[in-house]
Amino acid sequence: MKKAVVIGAGQTGRGYLVRFLFEKNYDITLIDKNERLIDYLQEDKAFCIHFYSKDRTPLYVHGLKAYLSYSTEAKQAIHDADIIFTSVGEQNLGDVAKQIQEGIAGREDKVVMLTAENGINPGKVLTNHLKDLGVKENFTVSMTAVFCSTVALDKTRLDILSMNEYYFPFDADALDEIDFEGAVPIHDFEKFLKRKIYTYNCLAGLISYCGYIKDYEVYGDAANDPDIAEMMDILLEDLNPALQDYFQITKEDQEEFAQRAMRKMKNKDILDFNVKNGRAAKRKLGPTERIMSPMKILKEHDKDTRIMEFVAAAALVYWEELQGNGSEPVLTKSPIETFCDINGLSVDDAMVKRVEKYYELIKANRHNICMKELVYSVE
C-alpha cells in the first residue's frame, strides 16, 4: 500500500485531495497545526464527504491517521511517505518546507511532493524554501490546481460538502503521471495557474467582494444577482480577448474556460460563502493576484479597468470591516494607503484615485449598492 501525507487537513486537504487518495487505496496521514481538528481526526478516524447535487453516494473516508505538525509521529509519516501533498496556502509553504526538511532527513530516495495552493507558481515557492533550508536535490515538486468547491458541513465535526469534481490537472513537466481518476497532464503549469487566477479567481473576487458589500451571505446568491451577473458579463467582454492575446490562446478556448467558471459559480446547488471566498484580502489585493493582474492586463490592452477598480475598493471595504477577524490583519494605515503600500503605488496614481472614489461611494451607499450605477459614475 502506497503511503501519502497531506499537510493541511482543512476543507481542500481532507475534502478534496483525500478523496483521490482514498479511492486509490493509499495509506493516508493528515498533518495540521490545528490541535482541535487533529483531536477530532484521531478520535473519529473517519468522516463523510457529501456532494452538493446529490449526484453520487456520500463517500465514507476511514482508516486515516492524523498528527499534529512537528510531532514525532508527523516527522515519521513524512519520512515514510511515497508522496506528500500540501494544502495550506502559498504564504505558509515556508513553514511546510521546515516540516518536510525535518521529516525527510536521512532519506536517499527521491521524495515526490505536490502542491494544491492558489498562486502563480507554488511549486517553485516550496522548492526555493527547501533549497534555502539546505535540502539536497533528492526531491520533485509538482503542482495541481483546485477547481472544486468544498465547505465544512454545518453541525458536524469533520464532514465535508463538496462538488463531485474529478478534474485533477497536474504539472507534467515535474511529474510524469499520477494514478488519479481525472488526472490531466499540463505542461507550462505556471501559465495554466496564471490563467486560472486571471479568469476563475478574478470572477470569484468580483462575486465574493461585491456580494459582501451587497449584503449577500451565500456565494451562489451573489453570483446570480442581476447587477453582479451583468458586471461579470461586461467584464468578460474585455477580459476574454485581453487574456486570449496575453496567453496566446484561441478565442474559443478562453471563452469556454470563462464560461466553465461562470457555470460553476452560478450553480446554486454549491453552497459556499462570500466571507470564506474573500478571506485573506491583503494577499488577494497583491500585485500578482486576482484583482491587480487582470486590471494590469486590461490596461495594457486599452480596455476598461473600472469594474476591477471597483472590485479593489470592495475588497478594501471587506478588509476594513472584518479586520482583526481571522485572516484579516488590523489596518495600521487608511485602506487606500495600505492598498498603495501592497502594490508599490503612489496615492496620486490615476487608478488609485478611482479606487479611492469607489471606496468612498461604497461607504456612502453601504447598504444600497447598485454596482453598475456606481461603476459608471466615475470617469
Protein backbone atom coordinates (compact mmCIF):
# COMPACT_ATOMS: atom_id res chain seq x y z
CA MET A 1 0.00 0.00 0.00
CA LYS A 2 1.42 3.39 -1.02
CA LYS A 3 1.76 5.96 1.74
CA ALA A 4 0.56 9.53 1.29
CA VAL A 5 0.86 12.51 3.61
CA VAL A 6 -1.41 15.56 3.27
CA ILE A 7 -0.04 18.62 5.09
CA GLY A 8 -3.08 20.80 5.71
CA ALA A 9 -6.23 18.98 6.85
CA GLY A 10 -8.63 21.81 6.05
CA GLN A 11 -11.52 21.69 3.61
CA THR A 12 -9.43 21.17 0.47
CA GLY A 13 -6.95 18.83 2.13
CA ARG A 14 -9.40 16.40 3.66
CA GLY A 15 -12.42 17.12 1.44
CA TYR A 16 -10.77 17.00 -1.97
CA LEU A 17 -7.24 15.57 -2.00
CA VAL A 18 -8.10 12.77 0.41
CA ARG A 19 -10.91 11.65 -1.90
CA PHE A 20 -8.48 10.77 -4.70
CA LEU A 21 -6.07 9.07 -2.32
CA PHE A 22 -8.76 7.06 -0.54
CA GLU A 23 -10.24 5.80 -3.82
CA LYS A 24 -6.78 4.59 -4.87
CA ASN A 25 -6.29 2.77 -1.56
CA TYR A 26 -3.42 4.90 -0.24
CA ASP A 27 -2.40 4.75 3.41
CA ILE A 28 -3.30 8.35 4.34
CA THR A 29 -1.84 10.57 7.05
CA LEU A 30 -3.16 14.09 7.68
CA ILE A 31 -0.92 16.68 9.35
CA ASP A 32 -2.14 20.04 10.65
CA LYS A 33 -1.38 22.73 13.26
CA ASN A 34 -4.98 22.87 14.46
CA GLU A 35 -5.00 20.83 17.68
CA ARG A 36 -8.78 20.52 17.90
CA LEU A 37 -9.00 19.32 14.30
CA ILE A 38 -6.29 16.73 14.89
CA ASP A 39 -8.01 15.61 18.11
CA TYR A 40 -11.26 15.06 16.18
CA LEU A 41 -9.47 13.16 13.42
CA GLN A 42 -7.64 10.98 15.93
CA GLU A 43 -10.83 10.23 17.83
CA ASP A 44 -13.11 9.58 14.84
CA LYS A 45 -10.56 8.22 12.35
CA ALA A 46 -13.23 8.85 9.70
CA PHE A 47 -15.54 11.42 8.16
CA CYS A 48 -18.02 11.64 5.30
CA ILE A 49 -17.82 13.66 2.07
CA HIS A 50 -21.31 14.65 0.87
CA PHE A 51 -21.98 16.07 -2.59
CA TYR A 52 -23.86 19.28 -3.41
CA SER A 53 -26.12 17.97 -6.16
CA LYS A 54 -26.62 14.57 -4.52
CA ASP A 55 -25.33 13.10 -7.78
CA ARG A 56 -23.38 10.35 -6.04
CA THR A 57 -23.45 8.41 -2.79
CA PRO A 58 -21.63 10.15 0.07
CA LEU A 59 -18.08 8.87 0.45
CA TYR A 60 -17.21 7.44 3.87
CA VAL A 61 -13.48 8.05 4.34
CA HIS A 62 -11.97 5.91 7.09
CA GLY A 63 -8.74 4.38 8.32
CA LEU A 64 -6.96 7.73 8.45
CA LYS A 65 -4.08 8.71 10.67
CA ALA A 66 -3.70 12.30 11.85
CA TYR A 67 -0.84 14.04 13.66
CA LEU A 68 0.00 17.50 14.89
CA SER A 69 2.61 19.42 12.91
CA TYR A 70 6.21 18.86 14.09
CA SER A 71 5.21 15.91 16.28
CA THR A 72 7.44 12.84 16.27
CA GLU A 73 4.67 10.89 14.52
CA ALA A 74 4.28 13.57 11.83
CA LYS A 75 8.02 13.57 11.13
CA GLN A 76 8.00 9.79 10.78
CA ALA A 77 4.98 9.87 8.45
CA ILE A 78 6.73 12.42 6.22
CA HIS A 79 9.88 10.30 6.27
CA ASP A 80 7.97 7.19 5.15
CA ALA A 81 5.70 8.85 2.56
CA ASP A 82 5.70 7.88 -1.11
CA ILE A 83 4.06 11.21 -1.94
CA ILE A 84 3.50 14.42 0.06
CA PHE A 85 0.68 16.87 -0.70
CA THR A 86 0.35 20.42 0.64
CA SER A 87 -2.87 22.37 1.11
CA VAL A 88 -2.03 25.23 3.44
CA GLY A 89 -1.99 28.45 1.40
CA GLU A 90 1.06 29.55 -0.57
CA GLN A 91 2.06 32.02 2.16
CA ASN A 92 2.54 29.11 4.58
CA LEU A 93 4.83 27.00 2.40
CA GLY A 94 7.92 28.21 4.23
CA ASP A 95 6.70 26.52 7.39
CA VAL A 96 5.73 23.41 5.41
CA ALA A 97 9.25 23.28 3.99
CA LYS A 98 10.64 23.16 7.55
CA GLN A 99 8.34 20.24 8.39
CA ILE A 100 9.38 18.39 5.25
CA GLN A 101 13.08 19.11 5.82
CA GLU A 102 12.91 17.59 9.30
CA GLY A 103 10.89 14.62 8.07
CA ILE A 104 12.97 13.61 5.07
CA ALA A 105 16.35 13.99 6.78
CA GLY A 106 18.38 10.90 6.02
CA ARG A 107 16.30 9.74 3.06
CA GLU A 108 18.32 8.82 -0.01
CA ASP A 109 15.45 8.08 -2.43
CA LYS A 110 13.71 10.87 -4.33
CA VAL A 111 10.78 12.45 -2.46
CA VAL A 112 7.72 13.38 -4.55
CA MET A 113 5.66 16.40 -3.46
CA LEU A 114 2.61 18.05 -4.97
CA THR A 115 1.21 21.48 -4.03
CA ALA A 116 -2.51 22.26 -4.09
CA GLU A 117 -2.34 26.01 -3.48
CA ASN A 118 -3.54 29.19 -5.14
CA GLY A 119 -0.64 31.16 -6.54
CA ILE A 120 1.38 31.81 -9.69
CA ASN A 121 3.91 29.04 -9.02
CA PRO A 122 3.56 27.49 -5.54
CA GLY A 123 5.76 24.57 -6.61
CA LYS A 124 8.61 26.99 -7.19
CA VAL A 125 7.92 28.69 -3.86
CA LEU A 126 8.14 25.37 -1.99
CA THR A 127 11.24 24.34 -3.96
CA ASN A 128 13.02 27.60 -3.11
CA HIS A 129 12.15 27.27 0.58
CA LEU A 130 13.52 23.71 0.62
CA LYS A 131 16.74 24.82 -1.10
CA ASP A 132 17.13 27.71 1.35
CA LEU A 133 16.94 25.14 4.14
CA GLY A 134 19.75 23.14 2.54
CA VAL A 135 17.64 20.21 1.37
CA LYS A 136 19.56 18.22 -1.22
CA GLU A 137 18.23 17.83 -4.76
CA ASN A 138 16.59 14.49 -3.98
CA PHE A 139 13.03 15.77 -4.36
CA THR A 140 10.48 16.55 -7.09
CA VAL A 141 7.78 19.20 -6.64
CA SER A 142 4.75 19.10 -8.92
CA MET A 143 1.54 21.14 -8.66
CA THR A 144 -2.19 20.83 -9.08
CA ALA A 145 -4.90 23.49 -9.33
CA VAL A 146 -8.10 23.07 -7.35
CA PHE A 147 -11.33 23.68 -9.27
CA CYS A 148 -13.52 22.01 -6.62
CA SER A 149 -15.52 23.93 -4.01
CA THR A 150 -15.61 22.40 -0.53
CA VAL A 151 -17.12 23.59 2.74
CA ALA A 152 -17.30 22.12 6.22
CA LEU A 153 -20.74 20.60 6.75
CA ASP A 154 -22.58 22.52 9.44
CA LYS A 155 -23.30 20.77 12.73
CA THR A 156 -20.75 18.01 12.14
CA ARG A 157 -17.22 17.67 13.46
CA LEU A 158 -15.41 16.72 10.28
CA ASP A 159 -17.83 16.12 7.41
CA ILE A 160 -17.40 17.95 4.11
CA LEU A 161 -19.84 19.19 1.47
CA SER A 162 -18.18 19.13 -1.95
CA MET A 163 -18.61 19.21 -5.69
CA ASN A 164 -18.49 15.87 -7.48
CA GLU A 165 -15.42 17.07 -9.38
CA TYR A 166 -12.84 14.79 -10.97
CA TYR A 167 -10.72 17.30 -12.86
CA PHE A 168 -7.17 16.96 -11.50
CA PRO A 169 -4.70 18.91 -13.66
CA PHE A 170 -1.06 18.43 -12.69
CA ASP A 171 2.36 19.79 -13.63
CA ALA A 172 3.57 17.25 -16.18
CA ASP A 173 6.97 18.93 -16.52
CA ALA A 174 7.77 17.82 -12.96
CA LEU A 175 5.82 14.57 -12.67
CA ASP A 176 5.26 12.05 -15.47
CA GLU A 177 1.98 10.67 -14.18
CA ILE A 178 -0.29 10.31 -11.18
CA ASP A 179 -2.76 7.47 -10.82
CA PHE A 180 -5.86 9.55 -10.02
CA GLU A 181 -9.15 9.43 -11.88
CA GLY A 182 -9.45 12.66 -13.82
CA ALA A 183 -5.69 13.37 -13.80
CA VAL A 184 -4.79 15.64 -16.74
CA PRO A 185 -1.13 16.35 -17.53
CA ILE A 186 -0.46 20.04 -18.19
CA HIS A 187 2.81 21.47 -19.49
CA ASP A 188 3.90 25.02 -18.58
CA PHE A 189 1.83 24.84 -15.41
CA GLU A 190 2.73 28.36 -14.31
CA LYS A 191 0.94 29.68 -17.39
CA PHE A 192 -2.03 27.44 -16.57
CA LEU A 193 -2.19 28.73 -12.98
CA LYS A 194 -1.96 32.34 -14.12
CA ARG A 195 -4.86 31.76 -16.48
CA LYS A 196 -6.91 30.24 -13.67
CA ILE A 197 -6.16 33.16 -11.34
CA TYR A 198 -6.87 35.78 -14.02
CA THR A 199 -10.16 34.11 -15.03
CA TYR A 200 -11.67 31.88 -12.32
CA ASN A 201 -10.22 33.69 -9.33
CA CYS A 202 -10.83 37.10 -10.89
CA LEU A 203 -14.55 36.31 -11.24
CA ALA A 204 -14.55 34.80 -7.75
CA GLY A 205 -13.10 38.03 -6.37
CA LEU A 206 -15.79 40.07 -8.09
CA ILE A 207 -18.55 37.82 -6.74
CA SER A 208 -17.26 37.50 -3.17
CA TYR A 209 -16.29 41.12 -2.52
CA CYS A 210 -19.21 42.70 -4.39
CA GLY A 211 -21.55 40.10 -2.94
CA TYR A 212 -20.28 41.03 0.51
CA ILE A 213 -20.92 44.76 0.07
CA LYS A 214 -24.37 43.96 -1.34
CA ASP A 215 -25.07 42.03 1.90
CA TYR A 216 -25.22 38.54 0.40
CA GLU A 217 -24.03 35.74 2.64
CA VAL A 218 -24.19 32.89 0.12
CA TYR A 219 -21.79 32.96 -2.84
CA GLY A 220 -24.25 31.46 -5.35
CA ASP A 221 -26.88 34.07 -4.47
CA ALA A 222 -24.36 36.83 -5.16
CA ALA A 223 -23.30 35.26 -8.47
CA ASN A 224 -26.94 35.23 -9.62
CA ASP A 225 -27.68 38.79 -8.52
CA PRO A 226 -28.68 40.56 -11.80
CA ASP A 227 -26.41 43.53 -11.08
CA ILE A 228 -23.35 41.39 -10.33
CA ALA A 229 -24.10 38.96 -13.18
CA GLU A 230 -24.30 41.82 -15.67
CA MET A 231 -20.99 43.23 -14.45
CA MET A 232 -19.35 39.81 -14.92
CA ASP A 233 -20.65 39.64 -18.49
CA ILE A 234 -19.41 43.16 -19.25
CA LEU A 235 -16.03 42.41 -17.68
CA LEU A 236 -15.57 39.25 -19.77
CA GLU A 237 -16.29 41.18 -22.97
CA ASP A 238 -12.98 42.96 -22.35
CA LEU A 239 -11.10 40.42 -20.27
CA ASN A 240 -11.50 37.40 -22.56
CA PRO A 241 -9.86 38.98 -25.65
CA ALA A 242 -7.15 40.54 -23.46
CA LEU A 243 -6.31 37.14 -21.91
CA GLN A 244 -6.56 35.45 -25.30
CA ASP A 245 -3.79 37.75 -26.54
CA TYR A 246 -1.80 37.64 -23.27
CA PHE A 247 -1.68 33.82 -23.21
CA GLN A 248 -1.66 33.36 -27.00
CA ILE A 249 -4.66 31.02 -26.99
CA THR A 250 -7.71 30.76 -29.20
CA LYS A 251 -10.86 32.83 -28.70
CA GLU A 252 -12.91 29.65 -28.31
CA ASP A 253 -10.53 28.19 -25.71
CA GLN A 254 -10.60 31.26 -23.46
CA GLU A 255 -14.35 31.79 -23.79
CA GLU A 256 -15.11 28.17 -22.87
CA PHE A 257 -12.67 28.41 -19.92
CA ALA A 258 -14.51 31.51 -18.68
CA GLN A 259 -17.96 30.04 -19.24
CA ARG A 260 -16.99 26.91 -17.31
CA ALA A 261 -16.10 29.21 -14.42
CA MET A 262 -19.41 31.06 -14.74
CA ARG A 263 -21.43 27.84 -14.76
CA LYS A 264 -19.72 26.66 -11.58
CA MET A 265 -20.11 29.97 -9.78
CA LYS A 266 -23.79 30.38 -10.66
CA ASN A 267 -24.67 26.82 -9.61
CA LYS A 268 -26.93 27.33 -6.60
CA ASP A 269 -26.52 23.69 -5.57
CA ILE A 270 -22.99 24.60 -4.49
CA LEU A 271 -23.19 26.05 -1.00
CA ASP A 272 -20.35 28.47 -0.40
CA PHE A 273 -19.96 31.80 1.35
CA ASN A 274 -18.71 35.24 0.36
CA VAL A 275 -16.78 35.80 3.59
CA LYS A 276 -14.95 32.49 3.11
CA ASN A 277 -14.09 33.24 -0.53
CA GLY A 278 -12.97 36.76 0.28
CA ARG A 279 -10.68 35.88 3.19
CA ALA A 280 -7.01 36.93 3.10
CA ALA A 281 -7.92 40.19 1.33
CA LYS A 282 -4.37 41.53 1.77
CA ARG A 283 -2.93 38.71 -0.35
CA LYS A 284 -5.73 38.89 -2.90
CA LEU A 285 -5.18 42.63 -3.38
CA GLY A 286 -1.49 41.98 -4.15
CA PRO A 287 0.26 42.73 -7.46
CA THR A 288 0.23 39.15 -8.83
CA GLU A 289 -3.25 38.22 -7.66
CA ARG A 290 -6.85 38.08 -8.94
CA ILE A 291 -7.61 41.81 -8.91
CA MET A 292 -4.44 43.67 -9.82
CA SER A 293 -3.03 41.34 -12.50
CA PRO A 294 -6.23 41.23 -14.61
CA MET A 295 -6.51 45.00 -14.16
CA LYS A 296 -2.98 45.50 -15.49
CA ILE A 297 -3.66 43.22 -18.46
CA LEU A 298 -6.85 45.13 -19.26
CA LYS A 299 -4.93 48.42 -19.11
CA GLU A 300 -2.14 47.07 -21.35
CA HIS A 301 -4.79 46.12 -23.93
CA ASP A 302 -6.55 49.52 -23.74
CA LYS A 303 -9.62 48.01 -22.10
CA ASP A 304 -11.88 49.49 -19.42
CA THR A 305 -10.45 48.85 -15.94
CA ARG A 306 -13.24 50.42 -13.89
CA ILE A 307 -15.01 47.20 -12.91
CA MET A 308 -11.81 45.76 -11.45
CA GLU A 309 -11.04 49.06 -9.72
CA PHE A 310 -14.47 48.85 -8.12
CA VAL A 311 -13.72 45.26 -7.02
CA ALA A 312 -10.47 46.51 -5.43
CA ALA A 313 -12.46 49.12 -3.50
CA ALA A 314 -14.99 46.48 -2.41
CA ALA A 315 -12.13 44.28 -1.17
CA LEU A 316 -10.81 47.20 0.89
CA VAL A 317 -14.24 47.70 2.47
CA TYR A 318 -14.38 43.95 3.22
CA TRP A 319 -10.93 44.08 4.84
CA GLU A 320 -11.71 47.22 6.84
CA GLU A 321 -14.97 45.82 8.20
CA LEU A 322 -13.53 42.39 9.04
CA GLN A 323 -10.08 43.48 10.24
CA GLY A 324 -8.84 41.61 13.28
CA ASN A 325 -11.20 38.74 12.48
CA GLY A 326 -9.46 35.52 11.45
CA SER A 327 -7.24 36.05 8.41
CA GLU A 328 -7.78 39.82 8.09
CA PRO A 329 -4.98 41.75 9.87
CA VAL A 330 -5.72 45.03 11.64
CA LEU A 331 -5.13 48.04 9.38
CA THR A 332 -2.45 50.38 10.69
CA LYS A 333 -2.99 52.93 7.88
CA SER A 334 -6.01 54.01 5.87
CA PRO A 335 -7.32 51.40 3.41
CA ILE A 336 -6.11 53.41 0.41
CA GLU A 337 -2.63 53.95 1.87
CA THR A 338 -2.47 50.22 2.64
CA PHE A 339 -3.52 49.40 -0.92
CA CYS A 340 -0.73 51.62 -2.25
CA ASP A 341 1.86 50.02 0.06
CA ILE A 342 0.87 46.49 -1.02
CA ASN A 343 1.22 47.34 -4.70
CA GLY A 344 4.03 49.91 -4.66
CA LEU A 345 1.74 52.67 -5.94
CA SER A 346 1.50 56.40 -5.30
CA VAL A 347 -1.66 57.90 -3.82
CA ASP A 348 -1.59 60.27 -6.81
CA ASP A 349 -1.81 57.43 -9.34
CA ALA A 350 -4.94 57.86 -11.51
CA MET A 351 -6.02 54.28 -10.88
CA VAL A 352 -5.60 54.70 -7.13
CA LYS A 353 -7.71 57.86 -7.26
CA ARG A 354 -10.51 55.91 -8.94
CA VAL A 355 -10.25 53.09 -6.38
CA GLU A 356 -10.44 55.72 -3.63
CA LYS A 357 -13.53 57.28 -5.22
CA TYR A 358 -15.21 53.87 -5.48
CA TYR A 359 -14.30 53.17 -1.85
CA GLU A 360 -16.00 56.42 -0.81
CA LEU A 361 -19.08 55.65 -2.94
CA ILE A 362 -19.41 52.18 -1.44
CA LYS A 363 -19.15 53.59 2.09
CA ALA A 364 -21.73 56.28 1.30
CA ASN A 365 -24.16 53.73 -0.18
CA ARG A 366 -23.14 50.83 2.06
CA HIS A 367 -26.49 49.03 2.23
CA ASN A 368 -27.94 50.15 -1.08
CA ILE A 369 -25.32 49.20 -3.67
CA CYS A 370 -26.09 49.27 -7.38
CA MET A 371 -22.77 48.17 -8.82
CA LYS A 372 -23.47 49.22 -12.41
CA GLU A 373 -24.61 52.68 -11.38
CA LEU A 374 -21.57 53.28 -9.18
CA VAL A 375 -19.01 51.82 -11.61
CA TYR A 376 -20.05 54.12 -14.44
CA SER A 377 -20.40 57.22 -12.26
CA VAL A 378 -16.59 57.57 -12.23
CA GLU A 379 -14.56 58.65 -15.27
